[in-house]
Amino acid sequence: MAATVVGALAVQATPASAAQNWQAVSTNSNWHCGDYVKHSVSDYVKYKTCIVINSNYHGQVVLVVQSTASVAVSIGGSATSDFYSNVTCANSTLNPGFTRGCFAPTVSVGNTDLLKGKGELKLNGVSNSKELTIWRP
């Protein structure tokens, strides 16, 4: 019985750690995003790059992915910026009808007027990327 419990716990722990930086997305006025673009692999999976800036001029870059496909897809990639908010997005499964964001760490954006971010989405092994430049709010 102990082996069964350990096996069940191991199976449950794997998906959570594999998708640790993919989270549900809830935007507000701090979010500055480019338009969604379709990934070259599927007309039903689109993505965009966002830069989130708070009132203390701390920010992060976020890769946002949305699926209207009828099947689950395999995603991964990265979110990078010129203000050192960077992350490698874990390989994960995105189920139909879900929107998820890969969040880079929050850092000080300094005194830079222009902020640049780049989201790279790897969908079923094929990478596409989209850059975003904003004026610091």
C-alpha atoms as a PDB file:
ATOM      1  CA  MET A   1       0.000   0.000   0.000  1.00  0.00           C
ATOM      2  CA  ALA A   2       2.842   2.428   0.779  1.00  0.00           C
ATOM      3  CA  ALA A   3       4.209   1.980  -2.758  1.00  0.00           C
ATOM      4  CA  THR A   4       0.789   2.827  -4.169  1.00  0.00           C
ATOM      5  CA  VAL A   5       0.582   6.030  -2.099  1.00  0.00           C
ATOM      6  CA  VAL A   6       4.123   7.093  -3.049  1.00  0.00           C
ATOM      7  CA  GLY A   7       3.388   6.396  -6.730  1.00  0.00           C
ATOM      8  CA  ALA A   8       0.178   8.407  -6.597  1.00  0.00           C
ATOM      9  CA  LEU A   9       1.943  11.361  -4.953  1.00  0.00           C
ATOM     10  CA  ALA A  10       4.740  11.292  -7.532  1.00  0.00           C
ATOM     11  CA  VAL A  11       2.223  11.421 -10.383  1.00  0.00           C
ATOM     12  CA  GLN A  12       0.390  14.327  -8.773  1.00  0.00           C
ATOM     13  CA  ALA A  13       3.582  16.313  -8.134  1.00  0.00           C
ATOM     14  CA  THR A  14       4.922  16.119 -11.682  1.00  0.00           C
ATOM     15  CA  PRO A  15       2.380  18.369 -13.466  1.00  0.00           C
ATOM     16  CA  ALA A  16       2.656  21.095 -10.839  1.00  0.00           C
ATOM     17  CA  SER A  17       6.445  21.331 -11.073  1.00  0.00           C
ATOM     18  CA  ALA A  18       6.493  21.060 -14.861  1.00  0.00           C
ATOM     19  CA  ALA A  19       4.201  24.061 -15.231  1.00  0.00           C
ATOM     20  CA  GLN A  20       5.526  26.183 -12.371  1.00  0.00           C
ATOM     21  CA  ASN A  21       5.793  29.471 -14.284  1.00  0.00           C
ATOM     22  CA  TRP A  22       2.557  29.092 -16.323  1.00  0.00           C
ATOM     23  CA  GLN A  23      -0.326  30.729 -14.478  1.00  0.00           C
ATOM     24  CA  ALA A  24      -3.851  31.998 -15.076  1.00  0.00           C
ATOM     25  CA  VAL A  25      -3.893  35.540 -16.499  1.00  0.00           C
ATOM     26  CA  SER A  26      -5.873  38.427 -15.047  1.00  0.00           C
ATOM     27  CA  THR A  27      -5.026  41.801 -16.583  1.00  0.00           C
ATOM     28  CA  ASN A  28      -5.553  45.350 -15.341  1.00  0.00           C
ATOM     29  CA  SER A  29      -4.329  48.847 -16.250  1.00  0.00           C
ATOM     30  CA  ASN A  30      -0.740  47.891 -15.345  1.00  0.00           C
ATOM     31  CA  TRP A  31      -0.624  45.488 -18.295  1.00  0.00           C
ATOM     32  CA  HIS A  32       0.682  46.744 -21.650  1.00  0.00           C
ATOM     33  CA  CYS A  33       0.288  44.112 -24.359  1.00  0.00           C
ATOM     34  CA  GLY A  34       0.791  43.713 -28.050  1.00  0.00           C
ATOM     35  CA  ASP A  35      -1.937  42.171 -30.183  1.00  0.00           C
ATOM     36  CA  TYR A  36      -2.482  38.432 -30.254  1.00  0.00           C
ATOM     37  CA  VAL A  37      -0.827  36.694 -33.198  1.00  0.00           C
ATOM     38  CA  LYS A  38      -1.526  33.187 -34.464  1.00  0.00           C
ATOM     39  CA  HIS A  39       1.253  30.673 -34.104  1.00  0.00           C
ATOM     40  CA  SER A  40       2.479  29.245 -37.423  1.00  0.00           C
ATOM     41  CA  VAL A  41       1.598  25.693 -36.298  1.00  0.00           C
ATOM     42  CA  SER A  42      -2.090  26.341 -35.559  1.00  0.00           C
ATOM     43  CA  ASP A  43      -4.801  28.860 -36.382  1.00  0.00           C
ATOM     44  CA  TYR A  44      -6.304  27.994 -32.978  1.00  0.00           C
ATOM     45  CA  VAL A  45      -3.372  28.942 -30.749  1.00  0.00           C
ATOM     46  CA  LYS A  46      -2.414  32.587 -30.414  1.00  0.00           C
ATOM     47  CA  TYR A  47       0.029  34.440 -28.210  1.00  0.00           C
ATOM     48  CA  LYS A  48       1.135  37.922 -27.238  1.00  0.00           C
ATOM     49  CA  THR A  49       3.883  39.619 -25.278  1.00  0.00           C
ATOM     50  CA  CYS A  50       2.992  41.854 -22.339  1.00  0.00           C
ATOM     51  CA  ILE A  51       4.950  44.118 -20.017  1.00  0.00           C
ATOM     52  CA  VAL A  52       3.442  44.701 -16.571  1.00  0.00           C
ATOM     53  CA  ILE A  53       4.562  47.855 -14.740  1.00  0.00           C
ATOM     54  CA  ASN A  54       3.406  48.862 -11.253  1.00  0.00           C
ATOM     55  CA  SER A  55       3.359  52.346  -9.692  1.00  0.00           C
ATOM     56  CA  ASN A  56       6.811  51.786  -8.146  1.00  0.00           C
ATOM     57  CA  TYR A  57       8.319  51.161 -11.604  1.00  0.00           C
ATOM     58  CA  HIS A  58       8.826  47.497 -11.025  1.00  0.00           C
ATOM     59  CA  GLY A  59       7.982  45.384 -14.019  1.00  0.00           C
ATOM     60  CA  GLN A  60       7.960  41.996 -15.617  1.00  0.00           C
ATOM     61  CA  VAL A  61       7.507  40.545 -19.060  1.00  0.00           C
ATOM     62  CA  VAL A  62       4.790  37.937 -19.649  1.00  0.00           C
ATOM     63  CA  LEU A  63       4.198  35.553 -22.546  1.00  0.00           C
ATOM     64  CA  VAL A  64       0.426  34.988 -22.835  1.00  0.00           C
ATOM     65  CA  VAL A  65      -0.930  31.984 -24.752  1.00  0.00           C
ATOM     66  CA  GLN A  66      -4.556  31.259 -25.615  1.00  0.00           C
ATOM     67  CA  SER A  67      -5.943  28.060 -27.129  1.00  0.00           C
ATOM     68  CA  THR A  68      -9.240  27.523 -28.921  1.00  0.00           C
ATOM     69  CA  ALA A  69      -7.987  24.246 -30.389  1.00  0.00           C
ATOM     70  CA  SER A  70     -10.063  21.109 -29.869  1.00  0.00           C
ATOM     71  CA  VAL A  71      -7.082  19.174 -28.472  1.00  0.00           C
ATOM     72  CA  ALA A  72      -4.384  19.810 -25.903  1.00  0.00           C
ATOM     73  CA  VAL A  73      -1.114  21.218 -27.240  1.00  0.00           C
ATOM     74  CA  SER A  74       2.460  21.182 -25.957  1.00  0.00           C
ATOM     75  CA  ILE A  75       3.863  24.621 -25.098  1.00  0.00           C
ATOM     76  CA  GLY A  76       7.141  26.044 -23.821  1.00  0.00           C
ATOM     77  CA  GLY A  77       9.329  29.007 -24.678  1.00  0.00           C
ATOM     78  CA  SER A  78      10.707  32.111 -22.997  1.00  0.00           C
ATOM     79  CA  ALA A  79       9.950  35.684 -21.981  1.00  0.00           C
ATOM     80  CA  THR A  80      12.832  38.159 -22.031  1.00  0.00           C
ATOM     81  CA  SER A  81      13.315  41.905 -21.686  1.00  0.00           C
ATOM     82  CA  ASP A  82      15.920  44.624 -21.890  1.00  0.00           C
ATOM     83  CA  PHE A  83      15.374  45.330 -18.169  1.00  0.00           C
ATOM     84  CA  TYR A  84      16.510  41.839 -17.066  1.00  0.00           C
ATOM     85  CA  SER A  85      13.124  40.302 -16.371  1.00  0.00           C
ATOM     86  CA  ASN A  86      13.753  36.951 -18.078  1.00  0.00           C
ATOM     87  CA  VAL A  87      12.421  33.414 -17.745  1.00  0.00           C
ATOM     88  CA  THR A  88      12.461  30.099 -19.566  1.00  0.00           C
ATOM     89  CA  CYS A  89       8.874  28.869 -19.778  1.00  0.00           C
ATOM     90  CA  ALA A  90       8.509  25.258 -18.682  1.00  0.00           C
ATOM     91  CA  ASN A  91       7.348  22.664 -21.176  1.00  0.00           C
ATOM     92  CA  SER A  92       3.709  22.080 -20.358  1.00  0.00           C
ATOM     93  CA  THR A  93       0.334  21.043 -21.740  1.00  0.00           C
ATOM     94  CA  LEU A  94      -2.202  23.727 -22.648  1.00  0.00           C
ATOM     95  CA  ASN A  95      -5.739  22.388 -22.716  1.00  0.00           C
ATOM     96  CA  PRO A  96      -8.464  23.638 -25.080  1.00  0.00           C
ATOM     97  CA  GLY A  97     -10.163  26.862 -23.990  1.00  0.00           C
ATOM     98  CA  PHE A  98      -7.398  27.944 -21.609  1.00  0.00           C
ATOM     99  CA  THR A  99      -5.334  31.135 -21.457  1.00  0.00           C
ATOM    100  CA  ARG A 100      -2.069  30.986 -19.529  1.00  0.00           C
ATOM    101  CA  GLY A 101       0.827  33.340 -18.954  1.00  0.00           C
ATOM    102  CA  CYS A 102       4.495  32.597 -18.406  1.00  0.00           C
ATOM    103  CA  PHE A 103       5.624  35.245 -15.913  1.00  0.00           C
ATOM    104  CA  ALA A 104       9.211  36.455 -15.690  1.00  0.00           C
ATOM    105  CA  PRO A 105      10.395  37.812 -12.317  1.00  0.00           C
ATOM    106  CA  THR A 106       9.440  41.316 -11.214  1.00  0.00           C
ATOM    107  CA  VAL A 107      12.426  43.683 -11.242  1.00  0.00           C
ATOM    108  CA  SER A 108      13.103  47.429 -11.116  1.00  0.00           C
ATOM    109  CA  VAL A 109      12.872  48.931 -14.607  1.00  0.00           C
ATOM    110  CA  GLY A 110      15.108  51.870 -13.658  1.00  0.00           C
ATOM    111  CA  ASN A 111      14.972  55.187 -15.499  1.00  0.00           C
ATOM    112  CA  THR A 112      14.672  53.780 -19.009  1.00  0.00           C
ATOM    113  CA  ASP A 113      11.985  55.506 -21.092  1.00  0.00           C
ATOM    114  CA  LEU A 114      11.528  52.659 -23.588  1.00  0.00           C
ATOM    115  CA  LEU A 115      10.973  49.130 -22.363  1.00  0.00           C
ATOM    116  CA  LYS A 116      11.370  46.127 -24.637  1.00  0.00           C
ATOM    117  CA  GLY A 117      10.095  42.601 -24.155  1.00  0.00           C
ATOM    118  CA  LYS A 118      10.020  39.472 -26.270  1.00  0.00           C
ATOM    119  CA  GLY A 119       7.843  36.403 -25.953  1.00  0.00           C
ATOM    120  CA  GLU A 120       8.893  33.202 -27.698  1.00  0.00           C
ATOM    121  CA  LEU A 121       6.273  30.462 -27.860  1.00  0.00           C
ATOM    122  CA  LYS A 122       7.311  26.938 -28.674  1.00  0.00           C
ATOM    123  CA  LEU A 123       4.182  25.104 -29.843  1.00  0.00           C
ATOM    124  CA  ASN A 124       4.529  21.396 -30.521  1.00  0.00           C
ATOM    125  CA  GLY A 125       8.273  21.970 -30.942  1.00  0.00           C
ATOM    126  CA  VAL A 126       8.093  24.973 -33.336  1.00  0.00           C
ATOM    127  CA  SER A 127       9.184  28.418 -32.081  1.00  0.00           C
ATOM    128  CA  ASN A 128       7.608  31.770 -33.034  1.00  0.00           C
ATOM    129  CA  SER A 129       8.375  35.067 -31.298  1.00  0.00           C
ATOM    130  CA  LYS A 130       6.871  38.515 -30.910  1.00  0.00           C
ATOM    131  CA  GLU A 131       8.566  41.663 -29.605  1.00  0.00           C
ATOM    132  CA  LEU A 132       6.908  44.544 -27.776  1.00  0.00           C
ATOM    133  CA  THR A 133       8.235  48.055 -27.090  1.00  0.00           C
ATOM    134  CA  ILE A 134       6.404  50.477 -24.798  1.00  0.00           C
ATOM    135  CA  TRP A 135       7.046  53.895 -23.323  1.00  0.00           C
ATOM    136  CA  ARG A 136       7.470  53.647 -19.580  1.00  0.00           C
ATOM    137  CA  PRO A 137       4.126  54.739 -18.090  1.00  0.00           C
END
